[in-house]
Amino acid sequence: MSNIKFGTGGWRAVIGDGFTKANVQLLTAALARKLREKGKNVNIIFTTGVADYMQEGFEVEALHYLLKPIKREKVWECLEKCVARKAEDTRSILLPTEEGLIKTDAEGILYGEAVGHYCELVCLTETLSLKLGIREAAQRLEGHGDFLFCHRSYLVNLRRIAKIGKQDILMDNGGTVPVSRRMYGAVNEAFMKLFRRGG
């Protein structure tokens, strides 16, 4: 019974054997392992009145293990950790460069510029030469911030814009990128909308 299979007769069979602490613990451990198969970005928190089962929490890299009676402050602490971890996962992105794969903080990216068939990402601390075209780089950055094309060859991080002019955009590092007449309205509107919602 230690190897629980999910699907027809799986967990039902365990509970059917008796609603005991041991069976519930087996089911909980199996469910946690199943969730962990979904990837590292799933936050698992165990709650129990018995400290004997903490080993399962370590095995599936649980975020926390709450022992009953559970205090409200501890619950909030766990939720804050979940939010912080999610924010960190959202910011970090893995990108292919000439030197190999590199993990970088998407919030530190100022803009991207097409260079031949590839592109360069200008960041706060470095410039990354990617083995990706500018359109493909834009797709990789989706969900990692607020990036928008301001020109067919330039992609900007809206959160790193200091000022938008009619012909160019001033970035936080003092550099400028061109903005096309066709894309000016969309970029300006997106920039204002971001900071209206408290971005």
Protein backbone atom coordinates (compact mmCIF):
# COMPACT_ATOMS: atom_id res chain seq x y z
CA MET A 1 0.00 0.00 0.00
CA SER A 2 3.04 2.31 0.24
CA ASN A 3 3.15 2.66 -3.57
CA ILE A 4 -0.12 4.49 -4.18
CA LYS A 5 -1.16 4.84 -7.82
CA PHE A 6 -3.39 7.74 -8.74
CA GLY A 7 -6.40 6.96 -10.85
CA THR A 8 -9.23 4.45 -10.51
CA GLY A 9 -9.06 2.63 -7.19
CA GLY A 10 -5.90 4.44 -6.08
CA TRP A 11 -6.60 6.79 -3.17
CA ARG A 12 -10.11 5.38 -2.83
CA ALA A 13 -8.61 1.98 -2.05
CA VAL A 14 -6.39 3.46 0.66
CA ILE A 15 -9.23 5.30 2.38
CA GLY A 16 -11.37 2.20 1.94
CA ASP A 17 -8.86 0.27 4.06
CA GLY A 18 -9.74 2.49 6.98
CA PHE A 19 -9.49 6.17 7.73
CA THR A 20 -6.44 5.79 9.93
CA LYS A 21 -3.53 8.18 10.58
CA ALA A 22 -1.15 5.84 8.76
CA ASN A 23 -3.36 5.66 5.64
CA VAL A 24 -3.90 9.43 5.58
CA GLN A 25 -0.15 9.93 5.93
CA LEU A 26 0.51 7.55 3.00
CA LEU A 27 -2.01 9.39 0.86
CA THR A 28 -0.62 12.82 1.82
CA ALA A 29 2.95 11.77 0.97
CA ALA A 30 1.85 10.30 -2.37
CA LEU A 31 -0.09 13.44 -3.26
CA ALA A 32 2.89 15.63 -2.37
CA ARG A 33 5.16 13.54 -4.63
CA LYS A 34 2.60 13.84 -7.43
CA LEU A 35 2.51 17.62 -7.02
CA ARG A 36 6.30 17.83 -7.01
CA GLU A 37 6.33 16.07 -10.40
CA LYS A 38 4.67 19.23 -11.75
CA GLY A 39 7.93 21.09 -11.12
CA LYS A 40 9.82 23.18 -8.63
CA ASN A 41 7.40 26.12 -8.88
CA VAL A 42 4.69 24.28 -6.88
CA ASN A 43 4.76 25.37 -3.23
CA ILE A 44 3.92 22.53 -0.84
CA ILE A 45 3.04 23.21 2.81
CA PHE A 46 2.28 20.36 5.22
CA THR A 47 -0.04 20.80 8.21
CA THR A 48 -0.21 18.12 10.89
CA GLY A 49 -0.52 17.48 14.59
CA VAL A 50 2.30 14.91 14.54
CA ALA A 51 5.96 15.76 13.95
CA ASP A 52 6.82 12.15 13.00
CA TYR A 53 6.06 12.69 9.32
CA MET A 54 8.42 15.58 8.63
CA GLN A 55 10.69 13.33 6.54
CA GLU A 56 8.12 13.33 3.72
CA GLY A 57 8.23 17.13 3.72
CA PHE A 58 12.00 17.12 3.21
CA GLU A 59 11.79 14.54 0.43
CA VAL A 60 9.42 16.67 -1.67
CA GLU A 61 11.17 19.95 -0.77
CA ALA A 62 8.15 21.36 1.05
CA LEU A 63 8.21 25.10 1.68
CA HIS A 64 7.13 24.69 5.30
CA TYR A 65 5.76 22.23 7.85
CA LEU A 66 3.07 23.68 10.14
CA LEU A 67 2.41 21.84 13.40
CA LYS A 68 -1.01 22.11 15.05
CA PRO A 69 -2.26 24.14 16.74
CA ILE A 70 -1.53 26.46 13.84
CA LYS A 71 -1.12 30.14 14.61
CA ARG A 72 -2.43 32.75 12.19
CA GLU A 73 0.98 34.49 12.13
CA LYS A 74 2.62 31.27 10.91
CA VAL A 75 0.07 30.90 8.10
CA TRP A 76 0.72 34.49 6.93
CA GLU A 77 4.46 33.86 7.15
CA CYS A 78 4.07 30.83 4.86
CA LEU A 79 1.91 32.73 2.38
CA GLU A 80 4.44 35.57 2.26
CA LYS A 81 7.17 33.02 1.49
CA CYS A 82 5.02 31.62 -1.34
CA VAL A 83 4.54 35.08 -2.84
CA ALA A 84 8.25 35.91 -2.52
CA ARG A 85 9.27 32.62 -4.14
CA LYS A 86 6.76 33.12 -6.97
CA ALA A 87 8.05 36.65 -7.60
CA GLU A 88 11.61 35.33 -7.72
CA ASP A 89 10.62 32.55 -10.15
CA THR A 90 8.84 35.07 -12.37
CA ARG A 91 11.85 37.41 -12.48
CA SER A 92 14.49 34.78 -13.25
CA ILE A 93 14.80 33.69 -16.85
CA LEU A 94 17.15 31.27 -18.59
CA LEU A 95 18.50 32.54 -21.93
CA PRO A 96 20.87 31.08 -24.58
CA THR A 97 23.98 33.24 -25.11
CA GLU A 98 27.16 32.74 -27.12
CA GLU A 99 28.81 31.41 -23.94
CA GLY A 100 25.95 29.01 -23.15
CA LEU A 101 22.78 29.21 -21.06
CA ILE A 102 22.65 32.02 -18.51
CA LYS A 103 20.13 32.84 -15.79
CA THR A 104 19.35 36.52 -15.42
CA ASP A 105 16.89 38.75 -13.59
CA ALA A 106 14.28 39.95 -16.10
CA GLU A 107 13.69 43.11 -14.04
CA GLY A 108 17.27 44.16 -14.75
CA ILE A 109 16.78 44.07 -18.52
CA LEU A 110 16.45 47.57 -19.98
CA TYR A 111 15.90 46.81 -23.65
CA GLY A 112 16.63 44.43 -26.48
CA GLU A 113 18.09 45.34 -29.87
CA ALA A 114 18.08 43.24 -33.04
CA VAL A 115 21.62 42.59 -34.31
CA GLY A 116 21.51 40.68 -37.58
CA HIS A 117 19.69 37.39 -37.04
CA TYR A 118 20.27 37.59 -33.27
CA CYS A 119 19.79 40.24 -30.59
CA GLU A 120 21.43 41.88 -27.61
CA LEU A 121 19.78 42.53 -24.26
CA VAL A 122 21.10 45.60 -22.49
CA CYS A 123 20.82 45.08 -18.73
CA LEU A 124 21.65 47.25 -15.73
CA THR A 125 24.96 45.44 -15.15
CA GLU A 126 25.82 43.79 -18.48
CA THR A 127 24.94 43.29 -22.14
CA LEU A 128 23.91 39.78 -23.20
CA SER A 129 24.44 38.58 -26.78
CA LEU A 130 21.65 36.07 -27.33
CA LYS A 131 21.47 33.26 -29.84
CA LEU A 132 17.86 34.29 -30.46
CA GLY A 133 16.16 36.70 -32.82
CA ILE A 134 14.43 39.73 -31.29
CA ARG A 135 10.94 38.21 -31.84
CA GLU A 136 11.94 34.95 -30.21
CA ALA A 137 13.50 36.85 -27.30
CA ALA A 138 10.20 38.73 -26.85
CA GLN A 139 8.35 35.40 -26.65
CA ARG A 140 10.79 34.10 -24.01
CA LEU A 141 10.26 37.26 -21.93
CA GLU A 142 6.47 36.93 -21.89
CA GLY A 143 5.30 36.47 -18.31
CA HIS A 144 8.60 37.81 -16.94
CA GLY A 145 7.73 41.50 -16.87
CA ASP A 146 6.29 44.25 -19.04
CA PHE A 147 8.14 44.16 -22.35
CA LEU A 148 6.87 45.82 -25.51
CA PHE A 149 8.17 46.57 -29.00
CA CYS A 150 8.77 50.29 -29.51
CA HIS A 151 10.36 49.79 -32.94
CA ARG A 152 10.65 46.77 -35.22
CA SER A 153 14.25 46.29 -34.01
CA TYR A 154 13.82 47.31 -30.34
CA LEU A 155 12.04 45.81 -27.35
CA VAL A 156 11.78 47.85 -24.13
CA ASN A 157 11.09 47.02 -20.49
CA LEU A 158 8.29 49.44 -19.59
CA ARG A 159 9.41 49.39 -15.94
CA ARG A 160 12.84 50.72 -16.95
CA ILE A 161 11.62 53.71 -19.00
CA ALA A 162 12.48 57.12 -17.54
CA LYS A 163 10.84 59.27 -20.24
CA ILE A 164 9.09 58.81 -23.59
CA GLY A 165 9.78 61.35 -26.33
CA LYS A 166 8.25 61.59 -29.79
CA GLN A 167 11.27 59.97 -31.45
CA ASP A 168 13.15 58.18 -28.70
CA ILE A 169 12.81 56.71 -25.21
CA LEU A 170 15.12 57.56 -22.31
CA MET A 171 15.94 54.50 -20.22
CA ASP A 172 16.90 54.32 -16.53
CA ASN A 173 20.60 53.96 -17.38
CA GLY A 174 20.60 57.19 -19.42
CA GLY A 175 20.66 55.39 -22.77
CA THR A 176 18.07 56.00 -25.48
CA VAL A 177 16.24 53.74 -27.91
CA PRO A 178 14.20 54.82 -30.93
CA VAL A 179 10.40 54.72 -30.92
CA SER A 180 8.65 54.48 -34.27
CA ARG A 181 5.77 56.79 -35.15
CA ARG A 182 3.54 53.73 -35.64
CA MET A 183 4.29 52.29 -32.17
CA TYR A 184 4.53 55.53 -30.15
CA GLY A 185 0.84 55.56 -29.14
CA ALA A 186 0.78 51.94 -27.94
CA VAL A 187 4.01 52.33 -25.94
CA ASN A 188 2.91 55.61 -24.36
CA GLU A 189 -0.49 54.17 -23.40
CA ALA A 190 1.02 50.97 -21.96
CA PHE A 191 3.55 53.03 -19.96
CA MET A 192 0.83 55.23 -18.44
CA LYS A 193 -1.43 52.25 -17.74
CA LEU A 194 1.38 50.41 -15.92
CA PHE A 195 1.98 53.27 -13.50
CA ARG A 196 -1.71 54.08 -13.07
CA ARG A 197 -2.15 50.58 -11.64
CA GLY A 198 0.81 51.14 -9.32
CA GLY A 199 3.49 49.37 -11.38
